[in-house]
Amino acid sequence: MKWAGTSTAVGGIIILLGILITDLMLASFVVAIVIFLGHALGRLVSLGLDGKPNKQLVQGLISELVLGVANAFCLVSILI
């Protein structure tokens, strides 16, 4: 599954480019939302199927949810 790391790295590059190039800001927010909330959703499904994970995985879930929701809030604020 080497593509999973590659897609995350490319997504990170797009997110960073959205900071520097204002024309990519919308795409940057969308990519960030998909990556962060996608990983959080996967962790939630895993939590439901496998039970409670260790502390580090819960911290990762919380940070992904916070970053995903923050990016969604920013996306809505630039669209309004």
PDB file of N, CA and C in Angstrom:
ATOM      1  N   MET A   1       0.823  -1.188   0.000  1.00  0.00           N
ATOM      2  CA  MET A   1       0.000   0.000   0.000  1.00  0.00           C
ATOM      3  C   MET A   1       0.864   1.247   0.000  1.00  0.00           C
ATOM      4  N   LYS A   2       1.812   1.306  -0.899  1.00  0.00           N
ATOM      5  CA  LYS A   2       2.676   2.477  -0.995  1.00  0.00           C
ATOM      6  C   LYS A   2       1.911   3.695  -1.482  1.00  0.00           C
ATOM      7  N   TRP A   3       0.826   3.501  -2.205  1.00  0.00           N
ATOM      8  CA  TRP A   3       0.070   4.626  -2.735  1.00  0.00           C
ATOM      9  C   TRP A   3      -0.585   5.436  -1.626  1.00  0.00           C
ATOM     10  N   ALA A   4      -0.886   4.832  -0.480  1.00  0.00           N
ATOM     11  CA  ALA A   4      -1.538   5.567   0.601  1.00  0.00           C
ATOM     12  C   ALA A   4      -0.618   6.665   1.131  1.00  0.00           C
ATOM     13  N   GLY A   5       0.633   6.352   1.315  1.00  0.00           N
ATOM     14  CA  GLY A   5       1.587   7.364   1.754  1.00  0.00           C
ATOM     15  C   GLY A   5       1.834   8.413   0.690  1.00  0.00           C
ATOM     16  N   THR A   6       1.868   7.987  -0.558  1.00  0.00           N
ATOM     17  CA  THR A   6       2.077   8.917  -1.660  1.00  0.00           C
ATOM     18  C   THR A   6       0.905   9.881  -1.785  1.00  0.00           C
ATOM     19  N   SER A   7      -0.306   9.370  -1.668  1.00  0.00           N
ATOM     20  CA  SER A   7      -1.465  10.257  -1.795  1.00  0.00           C
ATOM     21  C   SER A   7      -1.521  11.252  -0.634  1.00  0.00           C
ATOM     22  N   THR A   8      -1.122  10.829   0.547  1.00  0.00           N
ATOM     23  CA  THR A   8      -1.080  11.737   1.682  1.00  0.00           C
ATOM     24  C   THR A   8       0.001  12.796   1.471  1.00  0.00           C
ATOM     25  N   ALA A   9       1.152  12.403   0.956  1.00  0.00           N
ATOM     26  CA  ALA A   9       2.234  13.352   0.699  1.00  0.00           C
ATOM     27  C   ALA A   9       1.837  14.362  -0.377  1.00  0.00           C
ATOM     28  N   VAL A  10       1.228  13.899  -1.449  1.00  0.00           N
ATOM     29  CA  VAL A  10       0.775  14.803  -2.510  1.00  0.00           C
ATOM     30  C   VAL A  10      -0.318  15.729  -1.971  1.00  0.00           C
ATOM     31  N   GLY A  11      -1.201  15.186  -1.151  1.00  0.00           N
ATOM     32  CA  GLY A  11      -2.224  16.021  -0.525  1.00  0.00           C
ATOM     33  C   GLY A  11      -1.612  17.095   0.347  1.00  0.00           C
ATOM     34  N   GLY A  12      -0.562  16.734   1.097  1.00  0.00           N
ATOM     35  CA  GLY A  12       0.132  17.717   1.924  1.00  0.00           C
ATOM     36  C   GLY A  12       0.771  18.813   1.094  1.00  0.00           C
ATOM     37  N   ILE A  13       1.316  18.447  -0.053  1.00  0.00           N
ATOM     38  CA  ILE A  13       1.910  19.449  -0.946  1.00  0.00           C
ATOM     39  C   ILE A  13       0.831  20.393  -1.462  1.00  0.00           C
ATOM     40  N   ILE A  14      -0.321  19.856  -1.826  1.00  0.00           N
ATOM     41  CA  ILE A  14      -1.428  20.699  -2.300  1.00  0.00           C
ATOM     42  C   ILE A  14      -1.905  21.626  -1.187  1.00  0.00           C
ATOM     43  N   ILE A  15      -1.988  21.100   0.029  1.00  0.00           N
ATOM     44  CA  ILE A  15      -2.402  21.925   1.172  1.00  0.00           C
ATOM     45  C   ILE A  15      -1.406  23.061   1.378  1.00  0.00           C
ATOM     46  N   LEU A  16      -0.112  22.759   1.332  1.00  0.00           N
ATOM     47  CA  LEU A  16       0.904  23.804   1.492  1.00  0.00           C
ATOM     48  C   LEU A  16       0.871  24.814   0.353  1.00  0.00           C
ATOM     49  N   LEU A  17       0.648  24.357  -0.871  1.00  0.00           N
ATOM     50  CA  LEU A  17       0.569  25.277  -1.996  1.00  0.00           C
ATOM     51  C   LEU A  17      -0.632  26.213  -1.873  1.00  0.00           C
ATOM     52  N   GLY A  18      -1.692  25.742  -1.210  1.00  0.00           N
ATOM     53  CA  GLY A  18      -2.862  26.590  -0.988  1.00  0.00           C
ATOM     54  C   GLY A  18      -2.554  27.779  -0.094  1.00  0.00           C
ATOM     55  N   ILE A  19      -1.529  27.651   0.732  1.00  0.00           N
ATOM     56  CA  ILE A  19      -1.102  28.779   1.564  1.00  0.00           C
ATOM     57  C   ILE A  19      -0.411  29.833   0.710  1.00  0.00           C
ATOM     58  N   LEU A  20       0.375  29.400  -0.248  1.00  0.00           N
ATOM     59  CA  LEU A  20       1.189  30.311  -1.046  1.00  0.00           C
ATOM     60  C   LEU A  20       0.470  30.839  -2.285  1.00  0.00           C
ATOM     61  N   ILE A  21      -0.365  30.027  -2.888  1.00  0.00           N
ATOM     62  CA  ILE A  21      -1.045  30.393  -4.140  1.00  0.00           C
ATOM     63  C   ILE A  21      -2.537  30.481  -3.860  1.00  0.00           C
ATOM     64  N   THR A  22      -3.081  31.689  -3.898  1.00  0.00           N
ATOM     65  CA  THR A  22      -4.486  31.875  -3.512  1.00  0.00           C
ATOM     66  C   THR A  22      -5.458  31.179  -4.463  1.00  0.00           C
ATOM     67  N   ASP A  23      -5.045  30.945  -5.697  1.00  0.00           N
ATOM     68  CA  ASP A  23      -5.926  30.232  -6.633  1.00  0.00           C
ATOM     69  C   ASP A  23      -6.123  28.774  -6.232  1.00  0.00           C
ATOM     70  N   LEU A  24      -5.223  28.232  -5.428  1.00  0.00           N
ATOM     71  CA  LEU A  24      -5.329  26.842  -4.976  1.00  0.00           C
ATOM     72  C   LEU A  24      -5.961  26.714  -3.593  1.00  0.00           C
ATOM     73  N   MET A  25      -6.424  27.830  -3.026  1.00  0.00           N
ATOM     74  CA  MET A  25      -6.949  27.794  -1.659  1.00  0.00           C
ATOM     75  C   MET A  25      -8.170  26.880  -1.545  1.00  0.00           C
ATOM     76  N   LEU A  26      -9.092  26.959  -2.467  1.00  0.00           N
ATOM     77  CA  LEU A  26     -10.293  26.116  -2.423  1.00  0.00           C
ATOM     78  C   LEU A  26      -9.912  24.642  -2.514  1.00  0.00           C
ATOM     79  N   ALA A  27      -9.055  24.301  -3.450  1.00  0.00           N
ATOM     80  CA  ALA A  27      -8.617  22.913  -3.598  1.00  0.00           C
ATOM     81  C   ALA A  27      -7.873  22.453  -2.355  1.00  0.00           C
ATOM     82  N   SER A  28      -7.095  23.354  -1.764  1.00  0.00           N
ATOM     83  CA  SER A  28      -6.343  23.032  -0.564  1.00  0.00           C
ATOM     84  C   SER A  28      -7.269  22.664   0.588  1.00  0.00           C
ATOM     85  N   PHE A  29      -8.314  23.446   0.787  1.00  0.00           N
ATOM     86  CA  PHE A  29      -9.267  23.144   1.858  1.00  0.00           C
ATOM     87  C   PHE A  29      -9.992  21.823   1.602  1.00  0.00           C
ATOM     88  N   VAL A  30     -10.394  21.586   0.370  1.00  0.00           N
ATOM     89  CA  VAL A  30     -11.104  20.347   0.044  1.00  0.00           C
ATOM     90  C   VAL A  30     -10.203  19.133   0.281  1.00  0.00           C
ATOM     91  N   VAL A  31      -8.958  19.215  -0.162  1.00  0.00           N
ATOM     92  CA  VAL A  31      -8.019  18.102   0.030  1.00  0.00           C
ATOM     93  C   VAL A  31      -7.783  17.866   1.520  1.00  0.00           C
ATOM     94  N   ALA A  32      -7.608  18.944   2.287  1.00  0.00           N
ATOM     95  CA  ALA A  32      -7.373  18.807   3.728  1.00  0.00           C
ATOM     96  C   ALA A  32      -8.566  18.160   4.419  1.00  0.00           C
ATOM     97  N   ILE A  33      -9.769  18.560   4.032  1.00  0.00           N
ATOM     98  CA  ILE A  33     -10.980  17.982   4.632  1.00  0.00           C
ATOM     99  C   ILE A  33     -11.067  16.492   4.311  1.00  0.00           C
ATOM    100  N   VAL A  34     -10.834  16.147   3.066  1.00  0.00           N
ATOM    101  CA  VAL A  34     -10.916  14.737   2.668  1.00  0.00           C
ATOM    102  C   VAL A  34      -9.872  13.897   3.401  1.00  0.00           C
ATOM    103  N   ILE A  35      -8.649  14.397   3.496  1.00  0.00           N
ATOM    104  CA  ILE A  35      -7.590  13.630   4.151  1.00  0.00           C
ATOM    105  C   ILE A  35      -7.869  13.494   5.647  1.00  0.00           C
ATOM    106  N   PHE A  36      -8.085  14.621   6.336  1.00  0.00           N
ATOM    107  CA  PHE A  36      -8.229  14.568   7.790  1.00  0.00           C
ATOM    108  C   PHE A  36      -9.510  13.858   8.220  1.00  0.00           C
ATOM    109  N   LEU A  37     -10.643  14.199   7.611  1.00  0.00           N
ATOM    110  CA  LEU A  37     -11.883  13.536   8.018  1.00  0.00           C
ATOM    111  C   LEU A  37     -11.942  12.102   7.507  1.00  0.00           C
ATOM    112  N   GLY A  38     -11.279  11.819   6.401  1.00  0.00           N
ATOM    113  CA  GLY A  38     -11.204  10.437   5.916  1.00  0.00           C
ATOM    114  C   GLY A  38     -10.427   9.547   6.871  1.00  0.00           C
ATOM    115  N   HIS A  39      -9.288  10.047   7.339  1.00  0.00           N
ATOM    116  CA  HIS A  39      -8.517   9.272   8.317  1.00  0.00           C
ATOM    117  C   HIS A  39      -9.287   9.129   9.621  1.00  0.00           C
ATOM    118  N   ALA A  40      -9.957  10.202  10.049  1.00  0.00           N
ATOM    119  CA  ALA A  40     -10.739  10.134  11.293  1.00  0.00           C
ATOM    120  C   ALA A  40     -11.884   9.127  11.159  1.00  0.00           C
ATOM    121  N   LEU A  41     -12.542   9.118  10.005  1.00  0.00           N
ATOM    122  CA  LEU A  41     -13.630   8.157   9.794  1.00  0.00           C
ATOM    123  C   LEU A  41     -13.100   6.732   9.834  1.00  0.00           C
ATOM    124  N   GLY A  42     -11.939   6.517   9.222  1.00  0.00           N
ATOM    125  CA  GLY A  42     -11.329   5.186   9.263  1.00  0.00           C
ATOM    126  C   GLY A  42     -10.988   4.760  10.682  1.00  0.00           C
ATOM    127  N   ARG A  43     -10.485   5.695  11.476  1.00  0.00           N
ATOM    128  CA  ARG A  43     -10.173   5.375  12.876  1.00  0.00           C
ATOM    129  C   ARG A  43     -11.442   5.086  13.671  1.00  0.00           C
ATOM    130  N   LEU A  44     -12.524   5.823  13.377  1.00  0.00           N
ATOM    131  CA  LEU A  44     -13.790   5.573  14.083  1.00  0.00           C
ATOM    132  C   LEU A  44     -14.357   4.199  13.738  1.00  0.00           C
ATOM    133  N   VAL A  45     -14.268   3.818  12.469  1.00  0.00           N
ATOM    134  CA  VAL A  45     -14.719   2.485  12.063  1.00  0.00           C
ATOM    135  C   VAL A  45     -13.869   1.421  12.754  1.00  0.00           C
ATOM    136  N   SER A  46     -12.565   1.637  12.776  1.00  0.00           N
ATOM    137  CA  SER A  46     -11.664   0.703  13.444  1.00  0.00           C
ATOM    138  C   SER A  46     -11.971   0.616  14.935  1.00  0.00           C
ATOM    139  N   LEU A  47     -12.271   1.761  15.540  1.00  0.00           N
ATOM    140  CA  LEU A  47     -12.624   1.785  16.955  1.00  0.00           C
ATOM    141  C   LEU A  47     -13.882   0.961  17.207  1.00  0.00           C
ATOM    142  N   GLY A  48     -14.858   1.072  16.310  1.00  0.00           N
ATOM    143  CA  GLY A  48     -16.086   0.311  16.458  1.00  0.00           C
ATOM    144  C   GLY A  48     -15.887  -1.185  16.263  1.00  0.00           C
ATOM    145  N   LEU A  49     -14.997  -1.552  15.354  1.00  0.00           N
ATOM    146  CA  LEU A  49     -14.791  -2.969  15.058  1.00  0.00           C
ATOM    147  C   LEU A  49     -13.800  -3.642  16.011  1.00  0.00           C
ATOM    148  N   ASP A  50     -12.744  -2.920  16.372  1.00  0.00           N
ATOM    149  CA  ASP A  50     -11.666  -3.527  17.151  1.00  0.00           C
ATOM    150  C   ASP A  50     -11.698  -3.179  18.634  1.00  0.00           C
ATOM    151  N   GLY A  51     -12.498  -2.225  19.013  1.00  0.00           N
ATOM    152  CA  GLY A  51     -12.506  -1.804  20.411  1.00  0.00           C
ATOM    153  C   GLY A  51     -11.594  -0.609  20.636  1.00  0.00           C
ATOM    154  N   LYS A  52     -11.459  -0.231  21.893  1.00  0.00           N
ATOM    155  CA  LYS A  52     -10.694   0.962  22.233  1.00  0.00           C
ATOM    156  C   LYS A  52      -9.205   0.767  21.947  1.00  0.00           C
ATOM    157  N   PRO A  53      -8.623   1.715  21.166  1.00  0.00           N
ATOM    158  CA  PRO A  53      -7.187   1.624  20.858  1.00  0.00           C
ATOM    159  C   PRO A  53      -6.348   2.262  21.970  1.00  0.00           C
ATOM    160  N   ASN A  54      -5.048   2.280  21.762  1.00  0.00           N
ATOM    161  CA  ASN A  54      -4.172   2.895  22.757  1.00  0.00           C
ATOM    162  C   ASN A  54      -4.289   4.422  22.717  1.00  0.00           C
ATOM    163  N   LYS A  55      -3.639   5.078  23.654  1.00  0.00           N
ATOM    164  CA  LYS A  55      -3.768   6.522  23.846  1.00  0.00           C
ATOM    165  C   LYS A  55      -3.303   7.319  22.621  1.00  0.00           C
ATOM    166  N   GLN A  56      -2.217   6.896  21.989  1.00  0.00           N
ATOM    167  CA  GLN A  56      -1.689   7.627  20.848  1.00  0.00           C
ATOM    168  C   GLN A  56      -2.667   7.622  19.670  1.00  0.00           C
ATOM    169  N   LEU A  57      -3.346   6.523  19.449  1.00  0.00           N
ATOM    170  CA  LEU A  57      -4.309   6.470  18.350  1.00  0.00           C
ATOM    171  C   LEU A  57      -5.525   7.334  18.640  1.00  0.00           C
ATOM    172  N   VAL A  58      -5.931   7.411  19.893  1.00  0.00           N
ATOM    173  CA  VAL A  58      -7.043   8.290  20.265  1.00  0.00           C
ATOM    174  C   VAL A  58      -6.633   9.745  20.074  1.00  0.00           C
ATOM    175  N   GLN A  59      -5.399  10.090  20.433  1.00  0.00           N
ATOM    176  CA  GLN A  59      -4.908  11.455  20.223  1.00  0.00           C
ATOM    177  C   GLN A  59      -4.861  11.796  18.736  1.00  0.00           C
ATOM    178  N   GLY A  60      -4.457  10.836  17.915  1.00  0.00           N
ATOM    179  CA  GLY A  60      -4.460  11.042  16.469  1.00  0.00           C
ATOM    180  C   GLY A  60      -5.866  11.277  15.946  1.00  0.00           C
ATOM    181  N   LEU A  61      -6.823  10.513  16.448  1.00  0.00           N
ATOM    182  CA  LEU A  61      -8.220  10.675  16.046  1.00  0.00           C
ATOM    183  C   LEU A  61      -8.716  12.071  16.404  1.00  0.00           C
ATOM    184  N   ILE A  62      -8.422  12.517  17.604  1.00  0.00           N
ATOM    185  CA  ILE A  62      -8.882  13.837  18.042  1.00  0.00           C
ATOM    186  C   ILE A  62      -8.254  14.929  17.181  1.00  0.00           C
ATOM    187  N   SER A  63      -6.934  14.833  16.917  1.00  0.00           N
ATOM    188  CA  SER A  63      -6.308  15.871  16.098  1.00  0.00           C
ATOM    189  C   SER A  63      -6.833  15.865  14.672  1.00  0.00           C
ATOM    190  N   GLU A  64      -7.109  14.691  14.120  1.00  0.00           N
ATOM    191  CA  GLU A  64      -7.658  14.636  12.766  1.00  0.00           C
ATOM    192  C   GLU A  64      -9.054  15.238  12.723  1.00  0.00           C
ATOM    193  N   LEU A  65      -9.862  14.964  13.735  1.00  0.00           N
ATOM    194  CA  LEU A  65     -11.196  15.564  13.787  1.00  0.00           C
ATOM    195  C   LEU A  65     -11.119  17.082  13.913  1.00  0.00           C
ATOM    196  N   VAL A  66     -10.242  17.566  14.784  1.00  0.00           N
ATOM    197  CA  VAL A  66     -10.106  19.017  14.978  1.00  0.00           C
ATOM    198  C   VAL A  66      -9.637  19.684  13.683  1.00  0.00           C
ATOM    199  N   LEU A  67      -8.611  19.134  13.051  1.00  0.00           N
ATOM    200  CA  LEU A  67      -8.100  19.730  11.814  1.00  0.00           C
ATOM    201  C   LEU A  67      -9.110  19.632  10.670  1.00  0.00           C
ATOM    202  N   GLY A  68      -9.817  18.513  10.582  1.00  0.00           N
ATOM    203  CA  GLY A  68     -10.833  18.367   9.541  1.00  0.00           C
ATOM    204  C   GLY A  68     -11.975  19.344   9.710  1.00  0.00           C
ATOM    205  N   VAL A  69     -12.455  19.501  10.938  1.00  0.00           N
ATOM    206  CA  VAL A  69     -13.552  20.442  11.202  1.00  0.00           C
ATOM    207  C   VAL A  69     -13.077  21.878  11.009  1.00  0.00           C
ATOM    208  N   ALA A  70     -11.847  22.192  11.426  1.00  0.00           N
ATOM    209  CA  ALA A  70     -11.310  23.544  11.235  1.00  0.00           C
ATOM    210  C   ALA A  70     -11.211  23.880   9.745  1.00  0.00           C
ATOM    211  N   ASN A  71     -10.768  22.929   8.941  1.00  0.00           N
ATOM    212  CA  ASN A  71     -10.691  23.164   7.499  1.00  0.00           C
ATOM    213  C   ASN A  71     -12.075  23.301   6.884  1.00  0.00           C
ATOM    214  N   ALA A  72     -13.042  22.525   7.366  1.00  0.00           N
ATOM    215  CA  ALA A  72     -14.411  22.648   6.866  1.00  0.00           C
ATOM    216  C   ALA A  72     -14.985  24.022   7.211  1.00  0.00           C
ATOM    217  N   PHE A  73     -14.710  24.492   8.435  1.00  0.00           N
ATOM    218  CA  PHE A  73     -15.173  25.820   8.848  1.00  0.00           C
ATOM    219  C   PHE A  73     -14.545  26.896   7.961  1.00  0.00           C
ATOM    220  N   CYS A  74     -13.256  26.784   7.682  1.00  0.00           N
ATOM    221  CA  CYS A  74     -12.572  27.762   6.816  1.00  0.00           C
ATOM    222  C   CYS A  74     -13.115  27.716   5.400  1.00  0.00           C
ATOM    223  N   LEU A  75     -13.399  26.527   4.903  1.00  0.00           N
ATOM    224  CA  LEU A  75     -13.960  26.399   3.554  1.00  0.00           C
ATOM    225  C   LEU A  75     -15.307  27.074   3.476  1.00  0.00           C
ATOM    226  N   VAL A  76     -16.155  26.837   4.463  1.00  0.00           N
ATOM    227  CA  VAL A  76     -17.480  27.482   4.465  1.00  0.00           C
ATOM    228  C   VAL A  76     -17.329  28.994   4.564  1.00  0.00           C
ATOM    229  N   SER A  77     -16.372  29.461   5.360  1.00  0.00           N
ATOM    230  CA  SER A  77     -16.213  30.910   5.528  1.00  0.00           C
ATOM    231  C   SER A  77     -15.720  31.590   4.252  1.00  0.00           C
ATOM    232  N   ILE A  78     -14.922  30.908   3.418  1.00  0.00           N
ATOM    233  CA  ILE A  78     -14.494  31.553   2.173  1.00  0.00           C
ATOM    234  C   ILE A  78     -15.562  31.439   1.082  1.00  0.00           C
ATOM    235  N   LEU A  79     -16.478  30.490   1.233  1.00  0.00           N
ATOM    236  CA  LEU A  79     -17.538  30.347   0.232  1.00  0.00           C
ATOM    237  C   LEU A  79     -18.722  31.281   0.489  1.00  0.00           C
ATOM    238  N   ILE A  80     -18.841  31.754   1.706  1.00  0.00           N
ATOM    239  CA  ILE A  80     -19.985  32.627   2.044  1.00  0.00           C
ATOM    240  C   ILE A  80     -19.632  34.062   1.767  1.00  0.00           C
TER     241      ILE A  80
END
